[in-house]
PDB file of all heavy atoms in Angstrom:
ATOM      1  N   LEU A   1      -8.167  -6.295   7.217  1.00  0.00           N
ATOM      2  CA  LEU A   1      -7.354  -5.959   8.398  1.00  0.00           C
ATOM      3  C   LEU A   1      -6.794  -7.173   9.124  1.00  0.00           C
ATOM      4  O   LEU A   1      -5.696  -7.117   9.676  1.00  0.00           O
ATOM      5  CB  LEU A   1      -8.170  -5.098   9.360  1.00  0.00           C
ATOM      6  CG  LEU A   1      -8.519  -3.703   8.855  1.00  0.00           C
ATOM      7  CD1 LEU A   1      -9.415  -2.985   9.854  1.00  0.00           C
ATOM      8  CD2 LEU A   1      -7.260  -2.903   8.578  1.00  0.00           C
ATOM      9  N   ALA A   2      -7.521  -8.280   9.112  1.00  0.00           N
ATOM     10  CA  ALA A   2      -7.066  -9.473   9.823  1.00  0.00           C
ATOM     11  C   ALA A   2      -5.853 -10.120   9.154  1.00  0.00           C
ATOM     12  O   ALA A   2      -5.118 -10.868   9.797  1.00  0.00           O
ATOM     13  CB  ALA A   2      -8.201 -10.488   9.930  1.00  0.00           C
ATOM     14  N   ARG A   3      -5.603  -9.829   7.883  1.00  0.00           N
ATOM     15  CA  ARG A   3      -4.542 -10.512   7.140  1.00  0.00           C
ATOM     16  C   ARG A   3      -3.631  -9.534   6.396  1.00  0.00           C
ATOM     17  O   ARG A   3      -3.201  -9.803   5.288  1.00  0.00           O
ATOM     18  CB  ARG A   3      -5.161 -11.478   6.126  1.00  0.00           C
ATOM     19  CG  ARG A   3      -6.181 -12.428   6.684  1.00  0.00           C
ATOM     20  CD  ARG A   3      -5.737 -13.830   7.019  1.00  0.00           C
ATOM     21  NE  ARG A   3      -4.736 -14.463   6.232  1.00  0.00           N
ATOM     22  CZ  ARG A   3      -4.950 -15.337   5.247  1.00  0.00           C
ATOM     23  NH1 ARG A   3      -6.173 -15.641   4.891  1.00  0.00           N
ATOM     24  NH2 ARG A   3      -3.944 -15.908   4.645  1.00  0.00           N
ATOM     25  N   SER A   4      -3.347  -8.381   6.988  1.00  0.00           N
ATOM     26  CA  SER A   4      -2.580  -7.368   6.285  1.00  0.00           C
ATOM     27  C   SER A   4      -1.351  -6.922   7.066  1.00  0.00           C
ATOM     28  O   SER A   4      -1.413  -6.663   8.267  1.00  0.00           O
ATOM     29  CB  SER A   4      -3.469  -6.149   6.002  1.00  0.00           C
ATOM     30  OG  SER A   4      -2.735  -5.156   5.331  1.00  0.00           O
ATOM     31  N   ASN A   5      -0.232  -6.822   6.364  1.00  0.00           N
ATOM     32  CA  ASN A   5       0.992  -6.225   6.894  1.00  0.00           C
ATOM     33  C   ASN A   5       0.966  -4.766   6.446  1.00  0.00           C
ATOM     34  O   ASN A   5       1.104  -4.479   5.261  1.00  0.00           O
ATOM     35  CB  ASN A   5       2.213  -6.958   6.331  1.00  0.00           C
ATOM     36  CG  ASN A   5       3.501  -6.376   6.826  1.00  0.00           C
ATOM     37  OD1 ASN A   5       3.563  -5.813   7.920  1.00  0.00           O
ATOM     38  ND2 ASN A   5       4.542  -6.500   6.031  1.00  0.00           N
ATOM     39  N   ASP A   6       0.773  -3.845   7.377  1.00  0.00           N
ATOM     40  CA  ASP A   6       0.556  -2.454   7.004  1.00  0.00           C
ATOM     41  C   ASP A   6       1.129  -1.527   8.075  1.00  0.00           C
ATOM     42  O   ASP A   6       1.977  -1.945   8.862  1.00  0.00           O
ATOM     43  CB  ASP A   6      -0.925  -2.194   6.722  1.00  0.00           C
ATOM     44  CG  ASP A   6      -1.839  -2.708   7.819  1.00  0.00           C
ATOM     45  OD1 ASP A   6      -1.472  -2.601   9.009  1.00  0.00           O
ATOM     46  OD2 ASP A   6      -2.926  -3.218   7.504  1.00  0.00           O
ATOM     47  N   SER A   7       0.648  -0.301   8.136  1.00  0.00           N
ATOM     48  CA  SER A   7       1.206   0.691   9.061  1.00  0.00           C
ATOM     49  C   SER A   7       0.990   0.331  10.530  1.00  0.00           C
ATOM     50  O   SER A   7       1.663   0.879  11.397  1.00  0.00           O
ATOM     51  CB  SER A   7       0.620   2.075   8.782  1.00  0.00           C
ATOM     52  OG  SER A   7       1.182   2.608   7.606  1.00  0.00           O
ATOM     53  N   ARG A   8       0.090  -0.594  10.822  1.00  0.00           N
ATOM     54  CA  ARG A   8      -0.053  -1.038  12.205  1.00  0.00           C
ATOM     55  C   ARG A   8       1.223  -1.718  12.668  1.00  0.00           C
ATOM     56  O   ARG A   8       1.555  -1.710  13.844  1.00  0.00           O
ATOM     57  CB  ARG A   8      -1.244  -1.979  12.353  1.00  0.00           C
ATOM     58  CG  ARG A   8      -2.581  -1.272  12.118  1.00  0.00           C
ATOM     59  CD  ARG A   8      -3.722  -2.234  12.073  1.00  0.00           C
ATOM     60  NE  ARG A   8      -3.521  -3.130  10.930  1.00  0.00           N
ATOM     61  CZ  ARG A   8      -4.160  -4.280  10.768  1.00  0.00           C
ATOM     62  NH1 ARG A   8      -5.032  -4.684  11.670  1.00  0.00           N
ATOM     63  NH2 ARG A   8      -3.936  -5.020   9.710  1.00  0.00           N
ATOM     64  N   ARG A   9       1.951  -2.306  11.732  1.00  0.00           N
ATOM     65  CA  ARG A   9       3.224  -2.967  12.039  1.00  0.00           C
ATOM     66  C   ARG A   9       4.418  -2.159  11.535  1.00  0.00           C
ATOM     67  O   ARG A   9       5.451  -2.080  12.187  1.00  0.00           O
ATOM     68  CB  ARG A   9       3.258  -4.355  11.390  1.00  0.00           C
ATOM     69  CG  ARG A   9       4.514  -5.118  11.700  1.00  0.00           C
ATOM     70  CD  ARG A   9       4.427  -6.558  11.195  1.00  0.00           C
ATOM     71  NE  ARG A   9       5.745  -7.130  11.105  1.00  0.00           N
ATOM     72  CZ  ARG A   9       6.499  -7.119  10.011  1.00  0.00           C
ATOM     73  NH1 ARG A   9       6.059  -6.576   8.908  1.00  0.00           N
ATOM     74  NH2 ARG A   9       7.685  -7.659  10.013  1.00  0.00           N
ATOM     75  N   LEU A  10       4.272  -1.533  10.372  1.00  0.00           N
ATOM     76  CA  LEU A  10       5.390  -0.836   9.735  1.00  0.00           C
ATOM     77  C   LEU A  10       5.532   0.617  10.176  1.00  0.00           C
ATOM     78  O   LEU A  10       6.571   1.227   9.957  1.00  0.00           O
ATOM     79  CB  LEU A  10       5.223  -0.879   8.210  1.00  0.00           C
ATOM     80  CG  LEU A  10       5.142  -2.263   7.584  1.00  0.00           C
ATOM     81  CD1 LEU A  10       4.740  -2.160   6.118  1.00  0.00           C
ATOM     82  CD2 LEU A  10       6.466  -2.996   7.746  1.00  0.00           C
ATOM     83  N   GLY A  11       4.472   1.181  10.750  1.00  0.00           N
ATOM     84  CA  GLY A  11       4.513   2.584  11.156  1.00  0.00           C
ATOM     85  C   GLY A  11       4.377   3.502   9.949  1.00  0.00           C
ATOM     86  O   GLY A  11       3.775   3.150   8.932  1.00  0.00           O
ATOM     87  N   TYR A  12       4.955   4.691  10.095  1.00  0.00           N
ATOM     88  CA  TYR A  12       4.913   5.657   8.995  1.00  0.00           C
ATOM     89  C   TYR A  12       5.743   5.143   7.823  1.00  0.00           C
ATOM     90  O   TYR A  12       6.837   4.619   8.012  1.00  0.00           O
ATOM     91  CB  TYR A  12       5.501   6.998   9.428  1.00  0.00           C
ATOM     92  CG  TYR A  12       4.699   7.726  10.469  1.00  0.00           C
ATOM     93  CD1 TYR A  12       5.212   7.930  11.740  1.00  0.00           C
ATOM     94  CD2 TYR A  12       3.439   8.226  10.171  1.00  0.00           C
ATOM     95  CE1 TYR A  12       4.490   8.623  12.701  1.00  0.00           C
ATOM     96  CE2 TYR A  12       2.704   8.913  11.133  1.00  0.00           C
ATOM     97  CZ  TYR A  12       3.238   9.106  12.391  1.00  0.00           C
ATOM     98  OH  TYR A  12       2.520   9.788  13.336  1.00  0.00           O
ATOM     99  N   LEU A  13       5.237   5.318   6.623  1.00  0.00           N
ATOM    100  CA  LEU A  13       6.021   5.032   5.426  1.00  0.00           C
ATOM    101  C   LEU A  13       6.535   6.362   4.885  1.00  0.00           C
ATOM    102  O   LEU A  13       5.775   7.336   4.814  1.00  0.00           O
ATOM    103  CB  LEU A  13       5.166   4.329   4.373  1.00  0.00           C
ATOM    104  CG  LEU A  13       4.645   2.947   4.761  1.00  0.00           C
ATOM    105  CD1 LEU A  13       3.768   2.389   3.646  1.00  0.00           C
ATOM    106  CD2 LEU A  13       5.779   1.998   5.052  1.00  0.00           C
ATOM    107  N   PRO A  14       7.801   6.421   4.473  1.00  0.00           N
ATOM    108  CA  PRO A  14       8.333   7.679   3.951  1.00  0.00           C
ATOM    109  C   PRO A  14       7.788   7.971   2.555  1.00  0.00           C
ATOM    110  O   PRO A  14       7.384   7.058   1.826  1.00  0.00           O
ATOM    111  CB  PRO A  14       9.845   7.437   3.914  1.00  0.00           C
ATOM    112  CG  PRO A  14       9.980   5.956   3.793  1.00  0.00           C
ATOM    113  CD  PRO A  14       8.795   5.370   4.530  1.00  0.00           C
ATOM    114  N   ALA A  15       7.798   9.242   2.189  1.00  0.00           N
ATOM    115  CA  ALA A  15       7.281   9.664   0.881  1.00  0.00           C
ATOM    116  C   ALA A  15       7.962   8.925  -0.257  1.00  0.00           C
ATOM    117  O   ALA A  15       7.320   8.588  -1.254  1.00  0.00           O
ATOM    118  CB  ALA A  15       7.453  11.171   0.711  1.00  0.00           C
ATOM    119  N   ASP A  16       9.257   8.632  -0.120  1.00  0.00           N
ATOM    120  CA  ASP A  16       9.949   7.965  -1.230  1.00  0.00           C
ATOM    121  C   ASP A  16       9.583   6.490  -1.353  1.00  0.00           C
ATOM    122  O   ASP A  16       9.972   5.825  -2.305  1.00  0.00           O
ATOM    123  CB  ASP A  16      11.457   8.164  -1.148  1.00  0.00           C
ATOM    124  CG  ASP A  16      12.087   7.567   0.096  1.00  0.00           C
ATOM    125  OD1 ASP A  16      11.372   6.998   0.940  1.00  0.00           O
ATOM    126  OD2 ASP A  16      13.320   7.675   0.229  1.00  0.00           O
ATOM    127  N   ALA A  17       8.794   5.948  -0.413  1.00  0.00           N
ATOM    128  CA  ALA A  17       8.298   4.571  -0.538  1.00  0.00           C
ATOM    129  C   ALA A  17       7.102   4.501  -1.481  1.00  0.00           C
ATOM    130  O   ALA A  17       6.771   3.433  -1.993  1.00  0.00           O
ATOM    131  CB  ALA A  17       7.909   4.020   0.825  1.00  0.00           C
ATOM    132  N   LEU A  18       6.466   5.642  -1.712  1.00  0.00           N
ATOM    133  CA  LEU A  18       5.291   5.677  -2.585  1.00  0.00           C
ATOM    134  C   LEU A  18       5.700   5.495  -4.044  1.00  0.00           C
ATOM    135  O   LEU A  18       6.569   6.207  -4.547  1.00  0.00           O
ATOM    136  CB  LEU A  18       4.557   7.007  -2.417  1.00  0.00           C
ATOM    137  CG  LEU A  18       3.357   7.222  -3.321  1.00  0.00           C
ATOM    138  CD1 LEU A  18       2.226   6.263  -2.962  1.00  0.00           C
ATOM    139  CD2 LEU A  18       2.894   8.664  -3.230  1.00  0.00           C
ATOM    140  N   ILE A  19       5.056   4.545  -4.706  1.00  0.00           N
ATOM    141  CA  ILE A  19       5.283   4.338  -6.140  1.00  0.00           C
ATOM    142  C   ILE A  19       4.196   5.046  -6.934  1.00  0.00           C
ATOM    143  O   ILE A  19       4.480   5.770  -7.874  1.00  0.00           O
ATOM    144  CB  ILE A  19       5.324   2.838  -6.481  1.00  0.00           C
ATOM    145  CG1 ILE A  19       6.516   2.184  -5.790  1.00  0.00           C
ATOM    146  CG2 ILE A  19       5.381   2.638  -7.994  1.00  0.00           C
ATOM    147  CD1 ILE A  19       6.560   0.680  -5.899  1.00  0.00           C
ATOM    148  N   GLY A  20       2.942   4.835  -6.551  1.00  0.00           N
ATOM    149  CA  GLY A  20       1.873   5.479  -7.304  1.00  0.00           C
ATOM    150  C   GLY A  20       0.497   5.150  -6.770  1.00  0.00           C
ATOM    151  O   GLY A  20       0.333   4.450  -5.762  1.00  0.00           O
ATOM    152  N   VAL A  21      -0.496   5.661  -7.485  1.00  0.00           N
ATOM    153  CA  VAL A  21      -1.904   5.511  -7.132  1.00  0.00           C
ATOM    154  C   VAL A  21      -2.574   4.577  -8.133  1.00  0.00           C
ATOM    155  O   VAL A  21      -2.368   4.705  -9.348  1.00  0.00           O
ATOM    156  CB  VAL A  21      -2.613   6.890  -7.153  1.00  0.00           C
ATOM    157  CG1 VAL A  21      -4.086   6.753  -6.884  1.00  0.00           C
ATOM    158  CG2 VAL A  21      -1.962   7.836  -6.154  1.00  0.00           C
ATOM    159  N   VAL A  22      -3.364   3.647  -7.636  1.00  0.00           N
ATOM    160  CA  VAL A  22      -4.078   2.709  -8.497  1.00  0.00           C
ATOM    161  C   VAL A  22      -5.174   3.466  -9.244  1.00  0.00           C
ATOM    162  O   VAL A  22      -5.994   4.149  -8.630  1.00  0.00           O
ATOM    163  CB  VAL A  22      -4.668   1.535  -7.699  1.00  0.00           C
ATOM    164  CG1 VAL A  22      -5.549   0.663  -8.578  1.00  0.00           C
ATOM    165  CG2 VAL A  22      -3.547   0.712  -7.072  1.00  0.00           C
ATOM    166  N   LEU A  23      -5.175   3.329 -10.572  1.00  0.00           N
ATOM    167  CA  LEU A  23      -6.219   3.932 -11.389  1.00  0.00           C
ATOM    168  C   LEU A  23      -7.409   2.998 -11.557  1.00  0.00           C
ATOM    169  O   LEU A  23      -8.552   3.404 -11.423  1.00  0.00           O
ATOM    170  CB  LEU A  23      -5.677   4.309 -12.767  1.00  0.00           C
ATOM    171  CG  LEU A  23      -4.567   5.361 -12.773  1.00  0.00           C
ATOM    172  CD1 LEU A  23      -4.024   5.557 -14.191  1.00  0.00           C
ATOM    173  CD2 LEU A  23      -5.087   6.677 -12.209  1.00  0.00           C
ATOM    174  N   ARG A  24      -7.098   1.728 -11.872  1.00  0.00           N
ATOM    175  CA  ARG A  24      -8.172   0.756 -12.059  1.00  0.00           C
ATOM    176  C   ARG A  24      -7.569  -0.616 -12.296  1.00  0.00           C
ATOM    177  O   ARG A  24      -6.406  -0.750 -12.658  1.00  0.00           O
ATOM    178  CB  ARG A  24      -9.057   1.136 -13.237  1.00  0.00           C
ATOM    179  CG  ARG A  24      -8.352   1.088 -14.583  1.00  0.00           C
ATOM    180  CD  ARG A  24      -9.274   1.571 -15.705  1.00  0.00           C
ATOM    181  NE  ARG A  24      -8.666   1.392 -16.989  1.00  0.00           N
ATOM    182  CZ  ARG A  24      -8.739   0.300 -17.725  1.00  0.00           C
ATOM    183  NH1 ARG A  24      -9.383  -0.749 -17.306  1.00  0.00           N
ATOM    184  NH2 ARG A  24      -8.154   0.239 -18.901  1.00  0.00           N
ATOM    185  N   PRO A  25      -8.386  -1.663 -12.104  1.00  0.00           N
ATOM    186  CA  PRO A  25      -7.922  -3.007 -12.463  1.00  0.00           C
ATOM    187  C   PRO A  25      -7.921  -3.140 -13.988  1.00  0.00           C
ATOM    188  O   PRO A  25      -8.689  -2.461 -14.684  1.00  0.00           O
ATOM    189  CB  PRO A  25      -8.956  -3.931 -11.838  1.00  0.00           C
ATOM    190  CG  PRO A  25     -10.117  -3.103 -11.449  1.00  0.00           C
ATOM    191  CD  PRO A  25      -9.686  -1.673 -11.457  1.00  0.00           C
ATOM    192  N   ILE A  26      -7.058  -3.988 -14.496  1.00  0.00           N
ATOM    193  CA  ILE A  26      -7.003  -4.250 -15.939  1.00  0.00           C
ATOM    194  C   ILE A  26      -7.009  -5.744 -16.186  1.00  0.00           C
ATOM    195  O   ILE A  26      -6.545  -6.519 -15.377  1.00  0.00           O
ATOM    196  CB  ILE A  26      -5.779  -3.603 -16.615  1.00  0.00           C
ATOM    197  CG1 ILE A  26      -4.479  -4.119 -15.998  1.00  0.00           C
ATOM    198  CG2 ILE A  26      -5.843  -2.097 -16.527  1.00  0.00           C
ATOM    199  CD1 ILE A  26      -3.255  -3.683 -16.744  1.00  0.00           C
ATOM    200  N   GLY A  27      -7.511  -6.112 -17.328  1.00  0.00           N
ATOM    201  CA  GLY A  27      -7.512  -7.519 -17.722  1.00  0.00           C
ATOM    202  C   GLY A  27      -8.260  -8.388 -16.737  1.00  0.00           C
ATOM    203  O   GLY A  27      -8.962  -7.917 -15.859  1.00  0.00           O
ATOM    204  N   GLN A  28      -8.094  -9.676 -16.878  1.00  0.00           N
ATOM    205  CA  GLN A  28      -8.720 -10.637 -15.993  1.00  0.00           C
ATOM    206  C   GLN A  28      -7.655 -11.575 -15.476  1.00  0.00           C
ATOM    207  O   GLN A  28      -6.625 -11.762 -16.105  1.00  0.00           O
ATOM    208  CB  GLN A  28      -9.808 -11.406 -16.718  1.00  0.00           C
ATOM    209  CG  GLN A  28     -10.885 -10.482 -17.219  1.00  0.00           C
ATOM    210  CD  GLN A  28     -12.157 -11.252 -17.487  1.00  0.00           C
ATOM    211  OE1 GLN A  28     -12.169 -12.468 -17.452  1.00  0.00           O
ATOM    212  NE2 GLN A  28     -13.233 -10.544 -17.764  1.00  0.00           N
TER     213      GLN A  28
END
């Protein structure tokens, strides 16, 4: 939270801003 640009600054994000959901990390 101390180092994030998020809805506290951006407000609501519209549905079309959503790209997808993270499934898992891959590789190293």
